[in-house]
Amino acid sequence: MKCALVTGGSRGIGRAICLKMAEMGYYVLVNYKSNTTEAENTLAQIQQAGGNAELLQLDVSDKEQIKEVLSKWIENHPDHYIEVLVNNAGIKDDSLMLYMEDAQWENVIRNNLDSFFYITRLVLNGMLLKRYGRIINIVSLSGLKGLPGQTNYSAAKAGVIGATKALAQEVGRNGITVNAVAPGLIKTDMTEGMDESEMKKHIPVKRFGTPEEVAHAVGFLASKEAGYITAETLSINGGLYS
């Protein structure tokens, strides 16, 4: 059974990616932390579309929980192989650096950067044994450009971009590609408070993106046809920044 693990898969971009992976024929592991209602909604949408999936509840910021829950799942499912890993889960907690508290820095780094390391390291072993895999990291415009009020988030996402490039060089000979996708302004919970009519004036295509557009790019990078693309960061921002 070929599986796709999507962290933070209960809502927004994560949900769209889960649906895309199911459409591509993968058995989807929908990871979520605490919002069971939304996770079950994602699961129901996958099943209604004819796909197969299950929920995997764990906090990606807790390395001990990752070891316990994900390791146990892998151990208990010897006939399942995680062929695609999408590191999508993350948080932001904005503040000017001068006023940023320790917890704001630490929580954002743990959720966005540390989670990439602990989850990917666990899943990577199976990919190496199969000599095939696709790792796609959801980063951000913030990690490329840097945004005021987001030194923590920008640092975490830039760190994942650097790790993407390094890991791609380590595992390329094993048939594993490692890429990143950097969304700009996408219609999700994270952009709900923004004035879209004002912000879109700065975007060449004059609109926010959709989660489905991000998921489409992830689906391409997860495909066999994308096997010669690795160590890349694909921007999906309507031309806002390149």
Protein backbone atom coordinates (compact mmCIF):
# COMPACT_ATOMS: atom_id res chain seq x y z
CA MET A 1 0.00 0.00 0.00
CA LYS A 2 1.59 3.25 -1.14
CA CYS A 3 0.86 6.09 1.26
CA ALA A 4 1.15 9.85 1.38
CA LEU A 5 1.63 11.47 4.79
CA VAL A 6 0.44 15.08 4.96
CA THR A 7 1.15 16.94 8.18
CA GLY A 8 -1.38 19.59 9.15
CA GLY A 9 -3.89 18.02 6.80
CA SER A 10 -7.14 19.00 8.47
CA ARG A 11 -7.69 22.41 6.90
CA GLY A 12 -6.69 24.89 4.21
CA ILE A 13 -3.69 24.01 2.07
CA GLY A 14 -3.20 20.74 3.96
CA ARG A 15 -6.72 19.57 3.21
CA ALA A 16 -6.38 20.44 -0.48
CA ILE A 17 -3.12 18.47 -0.61
CA CYS A 18 -4.74 15.46 1.08
CA LEU A 19 -7.51 15.48 -1.52
CA LYS A 20 -4.95 15.76 -4.32
CA MET A 21 -2.89 12.85 -2.98
CA ALA A 22 -6.04 10.71 -2.74
CA GLU A 23 -6.95 11.68 -6.31
CA MET A 24 -3.51 10.44 -7.37
CA GLY A 25 -4.29 7.05 -5.86
CA TYR A 26 -2.44 7.29 -2.57
CA TYR A 27 -3.69 6.02 0.77
CA VAL A 28 -3.54 9.28 2.72
CA LEU A 29 -2.40 9.71 6.30
CA VAL A 30 -4.13 12.91 7.42
CA ASN A 31 -2.12 14.29 10.31
CA TYR A 32 -3.70 16.77 12.70
CA LYS A 33 -3.04 18.06 16.21
CA SER A 34 -6.35 18.79 17.94
CA ASN A 35 -9.16 19.86 15.57
CA THR A 36 -10.86 16.49 15.26
CA THR A 37 -13.96 17.95 13.61
CA GLU A 38 -12.03 19.44 10.70
CA ALA A 39 -9.81 16.35 10.39
CA GLU A 40 -12.88 14.13 10.15
CA ASN A 41 -14.30 16.53 7.57
CA THR A 42 -11.15 16.10 5.47
CA LEU A 43 -11.39 12.33 5.83
CA ALA A 44 -15.05 12.38 4.77
CA GLN A 45 -14.27 14.47 1.67
CA ILE A 46 -11.56 12.02 0.64
CA GLN A 47 -13.89 9.06 1.08
CA GLN A 48 -16.75 10.77 -0.74
CA ALA A 49 -14.41 11.30 -3.70
CA GLY A 50 -13.62 7.58 -3.73
CA GLY A 51 -10.26 7.79 -1.97
CA ASN A 52 -8.82 5.97 1.04
CA ALA A 53 -7.35 7.60 4.12
CA GLU A 54 -7.01 7.51 7.88
CA LEU A 55 -6.37 10.09 10.58
CA LEU A 56 -3.05 10.31 12.42
CA GLN A 57 -3.23 12.55 15.46
CA LEU A 58 0.06 13.90 16.77
CA ASP A 59 1.64 17.23 17.65
CA VAL A 60 4.45 17.88 15.17
CA SER A 61 6.14 20.23 17.65
CA ASP A 62 6.63 17.36 20.13
CA LYS A 63 9.55 15.16 19.09
CA GLU A 64 8.72 12.48 21.66
CA GLN A 65 5.16 12.24 20.38
CA ILE A 66 6.45 11.99 16.81
CA LYS A 67 8.72 9.10 17.80
CA GLU A 68 5.97 7.33 19.71
CA VAL A 69 3.00 7.78 17.35
CA LEU A 70 4.61 7.78 13.91
CA SER A 71 7.18 5.09 14.73
CA LYS A 72 4.42 2.88 16.11
CA TRP A 73 2.28 3.41 13.01
CA ILE A 74 5.17 2.47 10.71
CA GLU A 75 5.97 -0.58 12.85
CA ASN A 76 2.34 -1.73 12.92
CA HIS A 77 1.87 -1.33 9.15
CA PRO A 78 4.67 -3.32 7.50
CA ASP A 79 2.67 -3.57 4.26
CA HIS A 80 2.28 0.21 4.04
CA TYR A 81 5.01 2.37 2.55
CA ILE A 82 5.07 6.17 2.88
CA GLU A 83 6.11 7.09 -0.65
CA VAL A 84 5.20 10.77 -0.39
CA LEU A 85 5.80 13.03 2.61
CA VAL A 86 4.37 16.54 2.62
CA ASN A 87 5.62 18.62 5.54
CA ASN A 88 2.82 21.14 5.64
CA ALA A 89 2.04 21.69 9.34
CA GLY A 90 3.13 25.00 10.77
CA ILE A 91 2.14 28.06 12.75
CA LYS A 92 2.96 31.73 12.83
CA ASP A 93 2.99 34.09 15.80
CA ASP A 94 3.92 37.54 14.56
CA SER A 95 5.64 40.31 16.48
CA LEU A 96 8.39 42.83 15.95
CA MET A 97 11.63 41.24 17.14
CA LEU A 98 12.11 43.87 19.83
CA TYR A 99 8.89 42.76 21.50
CA MET A 100 9.00 39.05 20.61
CA GLU A 101 8.84 36.75 23.62
CA ASP A 102 10.92 33.60 23.98
CA ALA A 103 7.84 31.41 23.62
CA GLN A 104 6.90 33.04 20.30
CA TRP A 105 10.33 32.26 18.88
CA GLU A 106 10.56 28.74 20.30
CA ASN A 107 7.04 27.62 19.36
CA VAL A 108 7.35 28.79 15.76
CA ILE A 109 10.77 27.18 15.32
CA ARG A 110 9.53 23.89 16.84
CA ASN A 111 6.36 23.74 14.75
CA ASN A 112 7.90 24.74 11.43
CA LEU A 113 11.56 23.70 11.46
CA ASP A 114 12.07 21.03 14.13
CA SER A 115 9.01 19.14 12.92
CA PHE A 116 10.54 18.86 9.45
CA PHE A 117 13.64 17.19 10.90
CA TYR A 118 11.99 14.70 13.25
CA ILE A 119 9.24 13.58 10.88
CA THR A 120 11.40 13.41 7.76
CA ARG A 121 14.14 11.43 9.52
CA LEU A 122 11.61 8.77 10.52
CA VAL A 123 9.98 8.48 7.10
CA LEU A 124 13.25 8.63 5.16
CA ASN A 125 14.37 5.14 6.18
CA GLY A 126 11.50 3.47 4.33
CA MET A 127 12.14 5.55 1.22
CA LEU A 128 15.82 4.59 1.24
CA LEU A 129 14.93 0.90 1.51
CA LYS A 130 12.55 1.23 -1.46
CA ARG A 131 14.98 3.50 -3.32
CA TYR A 132 12.15 5.85 -4.18
CA GLY A 133 10.35 8.72 -2.51
CA ARG A 134 9.03 12.25 -2.76
CA ILE A 135 9.48 14.81 0.02
CA ILE A 136 7.74 18.15 -0.44
CA ASN A 137 8.09 20.89 2.16
CA ILE A 138 5.56 23.70 2.34
CA VAL A 139 7.53 26.84 3.10
CA SER A 140 6.53 30.46 2.49
CA LEU A 141 7.19 33.71 0.72
CA SER A 142 8.36 34.82 4.17
CA GLY A 143 11.23 32.33 4.04
CA LEU A 144 12.43 33.71 0.69
CA LYS A 145 11.88 37.44 1.09
CA GLY A 146 11.69 37.95 4.84
CA LEU A 147 8.73 39.89 6.19
CA PRO A 148 8.66 42.44 9.03
CA GLY A 149 7.10 41.07 12.18
CA GLN A 150 8.01 37.53 11.17
CA THR A 151 11.66 37.05 12.14
CA ASN A 152 10.67 33.76 13.80
CA TYR A 153 8.55 32.49 10.89
CA SER A 154 11.00 33.73 8.24
CA ALA A 155 13.90 32.05 10.05
CA ALA A 156 12.03 28.75 10.33
CA LYS A 157 10.91 28.65 6.71
CA ALA A 158 14.31 29.77 5.41
CA GLY A 159 15.80 26.96 7.50
CA VAL A 160 13.52 24.41 5.83
CA ILE A 161 14.52 25.75 2.40
CA GLY A 162 18.20 25.26 3.25
CA ALA A 163 17.52 21.79 4.62
CA THR A 164 15.58 20.94 1.44
CA LYS A 165 18.61 21.74 -0.71
CA ALA A 166 21.01 19.79 1.53
CA LEU A 167 18.84 16.69 1.92
CA ALA A 168 18.20 16.57 -1.83
CA GLN A 169 21.93 16.14 -2.38
CA GLU A 170 22.13 13.37 0.22
CA VAL A 171 19.37 11.16 -1.17
CA GLY A 172 19.17 11.90 -4.90
CA ARG A 173 21.11 8.77 -5.83
CA ASN A 174 18.43 6.73 -4.05
CA GLY A 175 15.59 7.89 -6.28
CA ILE A 176 14.29 10.36 -3.69
CA THR A 177 13.55 13.96 -4.59
CA VAL A 178 13.25 16.77 -2.05
CA ASN A 179 11.58 20.02 -3.01
CA ALA A 180 9.82 22.97 -1.41
CA VAL A 181 6.73 24.93 -2.35
CA ALA A 182 6.53 28.56 -1.22
CA PRO A 183 2.97 29.93 -1.24
CA GLY A 184 2.33 33.64 -1.18
CA LEU A 185 -1.07 35.03 -0.22
CA ILE A 186 -3.47 32.09 -0.30
CA LYS A 187 -7.11 32.13 0.82
CA THR A 188 -6.85 30.23 4.12
CA ASP A 189 -7.35 30.83 7.84
CA MET A 190 -3.90 32.45 7.96
CA THR A 191 -4.96 35.27 5.60
CA GLU A 192 -8.51 35.77 6.88
CA GLY A 193 -7.69 39.01 8.69
CA MET A 194 -6.01 40.63 5.70
CA ASP A 195 -7.62 43.26 3.50
CA GLU A 196 -7.67 41.34 0.22
CA SER A 197 -8.92 44.29 -1.83
CA GLU A 198 -5.90 46.30 -0.71
CA MET A 199 -3.30 43.53 -0.79
CA LYS A 200 -4.18 42.30 -4.27
CA LYS A 201 -3.16 45.67 -5.70
CA HIS A 202 0.45 44.54 -5.16
CA ILE A 203 -0.04 41.14 -6.82
CA PRO A 204 0.46 41.08 -10.61
CA VAL A 205 -2.40 38.59 -11.14
CA LYS A 206 -4.63 40.77 -8.91
CA ARG A 207 -5.97 38.08 -6.59
CA PHE A 208 -5.11 35.71 -3.75
CA GLY A 209 -4.28 32.13 -4.64
CA THR A 210 -6.33 29.09 -3.69
CA PRO A 211 -5.30 26.02 -1.68
CA GLU A 212 -6.12 23.89 -4.73
CA GLU A 213 -3.51 25.75 -6.80
CA VAL A 214 -0.85 24.94 -4.21
CA ALA A 215 -2.03 21.33 -4.06
CA HIS A 216 -1.74 21.03 -7.86
CA ALA A 217 1.93 22.04 -7.68
CA VAL A 218 2.54 19.57 -4.85
CA GLY A 219 0.88 16.85 -6.92
CA PHE A 220 3.23 17.56 -9.82
CA LEU A 221 6.33 17.40 -7.61
CA ALA A 222 5.03 14.15 -6.12
CA SER A 223 4.64 12.54 -9.53
CA LYS A 224 7.08 10.16 -11.22
CA GLU A 225 7.35 12.65 -14.10
CA ALA A 226 9.03 15.14 -11.73
CA GLY A 227 11.92 12.79 -11.00
CA TYR A 228 14.57 15.13 -12.43
CA ILE A 229 13.44 18.06 -10.30
CA THR A 230 15.02 18.21 -6.85
CA ALA A 231 16.47 20.78 -4.41
CA GLU A 232 14.08 23.38 -5.86
CA THR A 233 11.76 25.90 -4.25
CA LEU A 234 8.69 26.65 -6.35
CA SER A 235 7.03 29.99 -5.64
CA ILE A 236 3.26 30.18 -5.91
CA ASN A 237 2.55 33.84 -5.31
CA GLY A 238 0.97 35.32 -8.43
CA GLY A 239 4.17 37.16 -9.32
CA LEU A 240 4.33 39.02 -6.00
CA TYR A 241 7.99 38.06 -5.49
CA SER A 242 10.53 36.11 -7.52
